N, C-alpha and C. Protein backbone atom coordinates (compact mmCIF):
# COMPACT_ATOMS: atom_id res chain seq x y z
N MET A 1 93.57 126.59 88.99
CA MET A 1 93.24 125.01 88.93
C MET A 1 93.13 125.01 90.73
N GLY A 2 92.35 124.03 91.28
CA GLY A 2 91.67 124.05 92.69
C GLY A 2 92.70 123.20 93.04
N ALA A 3 92.39 122.83 94.42
CA ALA A 3 93.54 122.39 95.14
C ALA A 3 93.69 120.78 94.87
N THR A 4 94.85 120.41 95.00
CA THR A 4 95.03 118.95 94.61
C THR A 4 94.72 118.00 96.07
N ILE A 5 93.80 117.27 95.67
CA ILE A 5 93.07 116.07 96.51
C ILE A 5 93.54 114.47 96.25
N LEU A 6 94.08 113.89 97.41
CA LEU A 6 94.39 112.41 97.12
C LEU A 6 93.29 111.71 97.67
N HIS A 7 92.81 110.80 97.04
CA HIS A 7 91.55 109.89 97.21
C HIS A 7 92.33 108.59 97.65
N ILE A 8 92.27 107.92 98.98
CA ILE A 8 92.84 106.44 98.82
C ILE A 8 91.97 105.69 99.29
N GLU A 9 91.28 104.59 98.34
CA GLU A 9 90.51 103.84 98.23
C GLU A 9 90.25 102.52 97.28
N GLY A 10 90.44 101.71 97.92
CA GLY A 10 90.29 100.57 97.79
C GLY A 10 89.19 100.16 96.67
N ASN A 11 88.19 100.39 96.80
CA ASN A 11 87.29 100.55 95.75
C ASN A 11 86.49 101.28 94.56
N TYR A 12 87.15 100.83 93.22
CA TYR A 12 86.91 101.99 91.82
C TYR A 12 85.93 102.61 91.69
N HIS A 13 84.60 101.68 91.90
CA HIS A 13 83.48 102.57 91.85
C HIS A 13 83.53 104.01 92.37
N ILE A 14 83.60 103.85 94.06
CA ILE A 14 83.62 104.98 94.91
C ILE A 14 84.76 105.93 94.62
N ARG A 15 85.94 105.43 94.21
CA ARG A 15 86.96 106.48 93.50
C ARG A 15 86.56 107.56 92.63
N GLU A 16 85.48 106.55 91.54
CA GLU A 16 85.12 107.30 90.30
C GLU A 16 84.12 108.60 90.45
N ILE A 17 83.11 108.20 91.66
CA ILE A 17 82.37 108.70 92.26
C ILE A 17 82.60 110.45 93.02
N ILE A 18 83.58 109.54 93.69
CA ILE A 18 84.74 111.15 94.35
C ILE A 18 84.54 112.08 93.58
N ARG A 19 85.96 111.50 92.38
CA ARG A 19 86.53 111.86 91.25
C ARG A 19 85.51 112.73 90.53
N GLU A 20 83.97 112.50 90.19
CA GLU A 20 83.42 112.85 89.67
C GLU A 20 82.63 114.24 90.14
N LEU A 21 82.16 113.67 91.29
CA LEU A 21 81.83 115.14 92.13
C LEU A 21 82.53 116.12 92.34
N LEU A 22 84.18 115.57 92.86
CA LEU A 22 85.07 117.12 93.28
C LEU A 22 85.66 117.57 92.07
N ALA A 23 86.15 116.44 91.31
CA ALA A 23 86.80 117.06 90.00
C ALA A 23 86.21 117.82 88.95
N GLU A 24 84.62 117.49 88.66
CA GLU A 24 83.78 118.28 87.52
C GLU A 24 82.80 118.95 88.12
N TYR A 25 82.70 118.55 89.31
CA TYR A 25 82.11 119.69 89.84
C TYR A 25 82.13 120.75 90.83
N TYR A 26 83.37 120.89 91.49
CA TYR A 26 84.21 121.63 92.08
C TYR A 26 85.21 122.26 91.76
N GLY A 27 85.90 121.47 90.59
CA GLY A 27 87.42 122.32 90.02
C GLY A 27 88.28 121.62 90.64
N TYR A 28 88.03 120.26 91.69
CA TYR A 28 89.74 120.28 92.10
C TYR A 28 90.41 118.97 91.50
N GLU A 29 91.49 119.18 91.70
CA GLU A 29 92.45 117.75 91.05
C GLU A 29 92.78 116.97 91.73
N ILE A 30 91.81 115.70 91.80
CA ILE A 30 92.03 114.30 92.47
C ILE A 30 92.90 113.77 91.52
N LEU A 31 93.95 112.95 92.78
CA LEU A 31 94.63 112.36 92.54
C LEU A 31 94.22 110.46 93.43
N ALA A 32 94.36 109.54 92.60
CA ALA A 32 93.81 108.20 92.79
C ALA A 32 94.87 107.30 93.33
N ALA A 33 94.56 106.72 94.41
CA ALA A 33 95.14 105.35 94.83
C ALA A 33 94.59 103.94 95.13
N GLU A 34 94.72 103.40 94.63
CA GLU A 34 94.06 102.04 95.61
C GLU A 34 95.13 101.79 96.79
N THR A 35 96.27 101.78 96.69
CA THR A 35 96.86 101.26 97.84
C THR A 35 97.60 102.35 98.95
N ILE A 36 97.77 101.46 99.96
CA ILE A 36 98.44 102.83 100.52
C ILE A 36 100.69 102.96 100.30
N ALA A 37 100.92 101.61 98.99
CA ALA A 37 102.06 101.83 98.45
C ALA A 37 102.29 103.48 97.83
N ILE A 38 100.63 103.19 96.69
CA ILE A 38 100.86 104.16 95.35
C ILE A 38 100.56 105.26 96.59
N ALA A 39 99.76 105.66 97.48
CA ALA A 39 99.59 106.67 98.22
C ALA A 39 100.90 107.31 98.71
N TRP A 40 101.44 106.34 99.05
CA TRP A 40 102.83 107.34 100.10
C TRP A 40 103.52 107.63 98.56
N SER A 41 103.72 107.36 97.56
CA SER A 41 104.39 108.14 96.49
C SER A 41 103.89 109.01 95.45
N LEU A 42 102.73 109.15 96.04
CA LEU A 42 101.81 110.42 95.46
C LEU A 42 102.08 111.58 96.56
N VAL A 43 101.77 110.57 97.73
CA VAL A 43 101.73 112.39 98.88
C VAL A 43 103.45 112.94 98.54
N GLU A 44 104.43 112.10 98.53
CA GLU A 44 105.74 112.16 98.59
C GLU A 44 106.07 113.11 96.83
N CYS A 45 105.43 112.74 95.99
CA CYS A 45 105.47 113.71 94.74
C CYS A 45 105.00 114.73 94.72
N GLU A 46 103.48 114.80 94.78
CA GLU A 46 102.72 115.58 94.45
C GLU A 46 102.33 116.47 95.85
N ALA A 47 102.20 116.30 96.46
CA ALA A 47 101.97 116.90 98.27
C ALA A 47 100.52 117.80 97.71
N PRO A 48 99.92 116.47 98.32
CA PRO A 48 98.00 116.87 98.06
C PRO A 48 98.16 117.86 99.32
N ASP A 49 96.99 118.90 98.84
CA ASP A 49 96.48 119.60 99.63
C ASP A 49 95.45 119.01 100.91
N LEU A 50 94.93 117.48 100.39
CA LEU A 50 94.16 117.24 101.55
C LEU A 50 93.70 115.55 100.69
N ILE A 51 93.50 114.89 102.02
CA ILE A 51 93.65 113.46 101.78
C ILE A 51 92.09 112.84 102.26
N ILE A 52 91.60 112.20 101.17
CA ILE A 52 90.48 111.60 101.68
C ILE A 52 90.74 110.19 101.74
N LEU A 53 90.50 109.71 102.27
CA LEU A 53 91.46 108.02 103.45
C LEU A 53 90.01 106.85 103.91
N ASP A 54 90.30 105.98 103.20
CA ASP A 54 89.40 104.80 103.75
C ASP A 54 90.39 104.01 104.39
N ILE A 55 89.17 103.17 105.20
CA ILE A 55 89.96 102.55 106.71
C ILE A 55 91.05 101.27 105.91
N ARG A 56 90.38 100.36 105.26
CA ARG A 56 90.34 98.67 105.04
C ARG A 56 91.06 99.09 103.11
N LEU A 57 92.07 98.82 103.10
CA LEU A 57 92.86 99.07 102.03
C LEU A 57 93.10 97.83 101.35
N PRO A 58 94.06 97.05 100.69
CA PRO A 58 94.10 96.10 100.00
C PRO A 58 96.40 95.55 100.96
N ASP A 59 96.53 96.68 100.90
CA ASP A 59 97.78 96.54 101.70
C ASP A 59 98.21 96.88 102.75
N GLY A 60 97.19 97.49 103.46
CA GLY A 60 97.22 98.30 104.98
C GLY A 60 95.59 98.50 105.48
N ASN A 61 95.66 99.31 106.72
CA ASN A 61 95.10 100.09 106.94
C ASN A 61 95.35 101.27 107.10
N GLY A 62 94.12 102.03 106.71
CA GLY A 62 94.00 104.01 106.87
C GLY A 62 94.74 104.63 108.33
N LEU A 63 94.00 103.91 108.92
CA LEU A 63 94.45 104.16 110.61
C LEU A 63 96.10 104.40 110.65
N ASP A 64 97.15 103.14 110.17
CA ASP A 64 97.99 103.18 110.73
C ASP A 64 98.82 104.38 109.64
N PHE A 65 97.95 104.21 107.74
CA PHE A 65 98.54 105.45 107.62
C PHE A 65 98.68 106.85 107.74
N CYS A 66 97.34 107.54 108.20
CA CYS A 66 97.25 108.09 108.89
C CYS A 66 98.45 108.46 110.07
N ARG A 67 98.47 107.93 111.19
CA ARG A 67 99.81 107.71 111.92
C ARG A 67 100.79 108.17 111.87
N GLU A 68 101.07 107.45 110.39
CA GLU A 68 102.49 107.14 109.92
C GLU A 68 102.77 109.30 109.15
N LEU A 69 101.77 109.75 108.34
CA LEU A 69 101.95 110.56 108.02
C LEU A 69 101.98 111.65 108.98
N ARG A 70 101.38 111.47 110.24
CA ARG A 70 101.10 112.45 111.39
C ARG A 70 102.91 112.45 112.25
N LYS A 71 103.33 111.51 112.52
CA LYS A 71 104.53 110.48 112.79
C LYS A 71 105.84 111.73 111.65
N ARG A 72 105.41 111.58 110.62
CA ARG A 72 106.11 112.39 110.06
C ARG A 72 106.21 113.76 109.71
N GLY A 73 105.46 114.24 110.30
CA GLY A 73 105.28 115.39 110.24
C GLY A 73 104.16 116.55 109.31
N SER A 74 103.61 115.94 108.96
CA SER A 74 102.57 116.64 107.62
C SER A 74 101.23 116.87 108.30
N ASN A 75 100.92 118.20 108.15
CA ASN A 75 99.48 118.72 108.57
C ASN A 75 98.52 118.46 107.31
N ILE A 76 98.57 117.89 106.80
CA ILE A 76 97.73 117.59 105.45
C ILE A 76 96.27 117.14 105.87
N PRO A 77 95.55 118.15 105.77
CA PRO A 77 94.29 117.36 106.78
C PRO A 77 93.93 115.92 105.91
N VAL A 78 93.27 115.16 106.54
CA VAL A 78 92.94 114.08 106.25
C VAL A 78 91.28 113.64 106.44
N LEU A 79 90.66 113.63 105.88
CA LEU A 79 89.56 113.01 105.75
C LEU A 79 88.77 111.55 105.25
N PHE A 80 88.61 110.54 106.61
CA PHE A 80 88.21 109.59 106.85
C PHE A 80 86.61 109.15 106.28
N LEU A 81 86.52 108.68 105.10
CA LEU A 81 85.74 107.66 104.61
C LEU A 81 85.69 106.40 104.87
N ASN A 82 84.36 106.21 105.88
CA ASN A 82 85.03 104.32 105.89
C ASN A 82 83.43 103.61 106.00
N SER A 83 83.47 102.43 105.52
CA SER A 83 82.06 101.59 105.28
C SER A 83 81.49 101.58 106.72
N ARG A 84 79.86 101.14 106.43
CA ARG A 84 79.16 101.01 107.51
C ARG A 84 78.83 99.21 107.03
N THR A 85 78.61 98.67 107.95
CA THR A 85 77.31 97.53 107.96
C THR A 85 76.21 97.52 108.85
N ARG A 86 75.57 96.07 108.44
CA ARG A 86 74.74 95.86 109.26
C ARG A 86 74.43 94.78 110.34
N ASP A 87 74.41 95.21 111.63
CA ASP A 87 74.72 94.34 112.86
C ASP A 87 73.37 93.37 112.66
N ALA A 88 73.05 92.42 113.17
CA ALA A 88 71.98 91.10 113.19
C ALA A 88 70.76 91.55 113.28
N ASP A 89 70.54 93.07 114.39
CA ASP A 89 69.44 93.87 114.50
C ASP A 89 68.91 94.65 113.02
N ARG A 90 69.68 94.58 112.03
CA ARG A 90 69.58 95.17 111.05
C ARG A 90 69.58 96.76 111.10
N LYS A 91 70.23 97.23 112.42
CA LYS A 91 71.28 98.42 112.55
C LYS A 91 71.96 98.89 111.42
N PHE A 92 72.63 100.21 111.45
CA PHE A 92 74.16 100.25 111.00
C PHE A 92 74.61 100.50 111.85
N ILE A 93 75.94 99.97 111.91
CA ILE A 93 77.17 100.33 112.49
C ILE A 93 78.14 100.44 112.16
N PRO A 94 78.99 101.34 112.42
CA PRO A 94 80.57 101.42 111.99
C PRO A 94 81.17 100.39 111.72
N GLU A 95 82.13 99.84 110.81
CA GLU A 95 82.86 98.43 110.60
C GLU A 95 83.74 98.87 111.23
N ARG A 96 84.26 97.99 112.28
CA ARG A 96 85.20 97.71 113.19
C ARG A 96 85.94 98.97 113.51
N VAL A 97 86.32 100.46 113.40
CA VAL A 97 86.46 101.28 113.35
C VAL A 97 85.34 102.39 114.26
N ASN A 98 85.59 103.47 114.76
CA ASN A 98 84.52 104.77 114.64
C ASN A 98 85.19 105.96 114.19
N LYS A 99 84.72 106.84 114.81
CA LYS A 99 85.38 108.38 114.50
C LYS A 99 86.14 108.78 115.53
N GLN A 100 86.17 107.96 116.94
CA GLN A 100 86.90 108.58 117.88
C GLN A 100 88.10 107.96 117.48
N GLU A 101 88.54 106.82 117.19
CA GLU A 101 89.84 106.00 116.68
C GLU A 101 90.50 106.98 115.61
N CYS A 102 89.42 107.26 114.73
CA CYS A 102 90.10 107.90 113.51
C CYS A 102 90.78 109.42 113.61
N LEU A 103 89.98 109.84 114.20
CA LEU A 103 90.96 111.17 114.99
C LEU A 103 91.87 110.98 116.04
N GLU A 104 91.78 110.41 117.18
CA GLU A 104 93.04 110.00 117.56
C GLU A 104 93.96 109.31 116.98
N ALA A 105 93.77 108.64 115.52
CA ALA A 105 94.70 108.63 114.74
C ALA A 105 95.30 109.93 114.26
N GLY A 106 94.79 110.64 113.92
CA GLY A 106 95.27 111.77 113.43
C GLY A 106 94.34 112.96 112.38
N GLY A 107 93.34 111.93 111.99
CA GLY A 107 92.21 113.03 110.85
C GLY A 107 91.43 113.69 111.07
N ASN A 108 91.04 114.70 110.48
CA ASN A 108 90.75 115.92 110.70
C ASN A 108 89.10 115.56 110.66
N SER A 109 88.40 114.73 110.38
CA SER A 109 86.91 114.43 109.73
C SER A 109 86.44 113.39 109.37
N TYR A 110 85.50 112.78 109.71
CA TYR A 110 85.07 111.61 109.64
C TYR A 110 83.25 111.39 108.98
N PHE A 111 83.50 110.43 107.90
CA PHE A 111 82.16 110.06 107.49
C PHE A 111 81.92 108.65 107.26
N THR A 112 81.00 108.26 106.98
CA THR A 112 80.49 106.76 106.60
C THR A 112 79.77 107.10 105.37
N LYS A 113 80.12 105.47 104.55
CA LYS A 113 79.48 105.21 103.49
C LYS A 113 78.39 104.25 103.75
N PRO A 114 77.62 104.51 103.06
CA PRO A 114 77.39 105.59 102.04
C PRO A 114 77.12 107.27 103.04
N THR A 115 77.43 108.15 102.05
CA THR A 115 77.00 109.05 103.02
C THR A 115 76.75 110.48 101.72
N ASP A 116 75.45 111.35 101.64
CA ASP A 116 75.24 112.69 101.18
C ASP A 116 76.61 112.99 100.54
N LEU A 117 76.73 113.02 99.40
CA LEU A 117 77.97 113.95 98.41
C LEU A 117 78.26 114.86 98.59
N LYS A 118 77.34 115.49 98.73
CA LYS A 118 77.03 116.93 98.79
C LYS A 118 77.73 117.59 100.62
N GLU A 119 77.97 116.42 101.42
CA GLU A 119 77.70 116.90 103.06
C GLU A 119 79.60 116.48 102.70
N ILE A 120 80.05 115.62 101.66
CA ILE A 120 81.54 115.42 101.79
C ILE A 120 82.25 116.94 101.00
N ALA A 121 81.72 116.90 99.77
CA ALA A 121 82.07 118.13 99.46
C ALA A 121 82.17 119.60 100.41
N ILE A 122 80.92 119.92 101.01
CA ILE A 122 81.11 120.68 102.17
C ILE A 122 82.55 121.44 103.14
N GLU A 123 82.50 119.53 103.39
CA GLU A 123 83.59 119.27 104.40
C GLU A 123 84.78 119.41 103.66
N VAL A 124 85.19 118.94 102.48
CA VAL A 124 86.63 119.51 101.88
C VAL A 124 86.72 121.05 102.19
N GLU A 125 85.73 121.59 101.37
CA GLU A 125 85.39 123.02 101.23
C GLU A 125 86.02 123.17 102.30
N ARG A 126 85.67 123.19 103.42
CA ARG A 126 85.90 123.85 105.19
C ARG A 126 87.48 123.12 105.66
N LEU A 127 87.77 122.02 105.21
CA LEU A 127 89.00 121.66 105.70
C LEU A 127 90.25 122.04 105.11
N LEU A 128 90.22 122.53 103.67
CA LEU A 128 91.04 123.42 102.70
C LEU A 128 91.14 124.81 103.52
N LYS A 129 90.59 125.20 103.77
CA LYS A 129 89.94 126.56 104.23
C LYS A 129 90.08 126.75 105.33
N THR A 130 90.81 125.60 106.69
CA THR A 130 91.68 125.62 107.55
C THR A 130 93.10 125.57 107.29
N GLN A 131 93.35 124.84 106.65
CA GLN A 131 94.57 124.64 106.24
C GLN A 131 95.76 125.95 105.86
């Protein structure tokens, strides 16, 4: 069995797309959490090898989750997967936070949604190898 990945994402459809990609095509075990509360329970009980983390969650902020994870001494790699939105000029802009903020919060990598799924899979493999 492959590594265990915890995907913390409020959107069911995005969780399913990532699960299908990483579980069915790459053989990883995927744990899914739609809230920070569920995520903490899974981190403590399942000890994932990697976390894929959204920023806006129903019960809190992914940046705060990552900061607390690091404060607790965890070195689990964190890949942020953040939404993009369009500004008035119809250009894509990061929604409220940027890559630097995610990395400063303790993240190891950052992607914006939508993104190339193959790129996510490549980055997951890279992060797991560096662990």
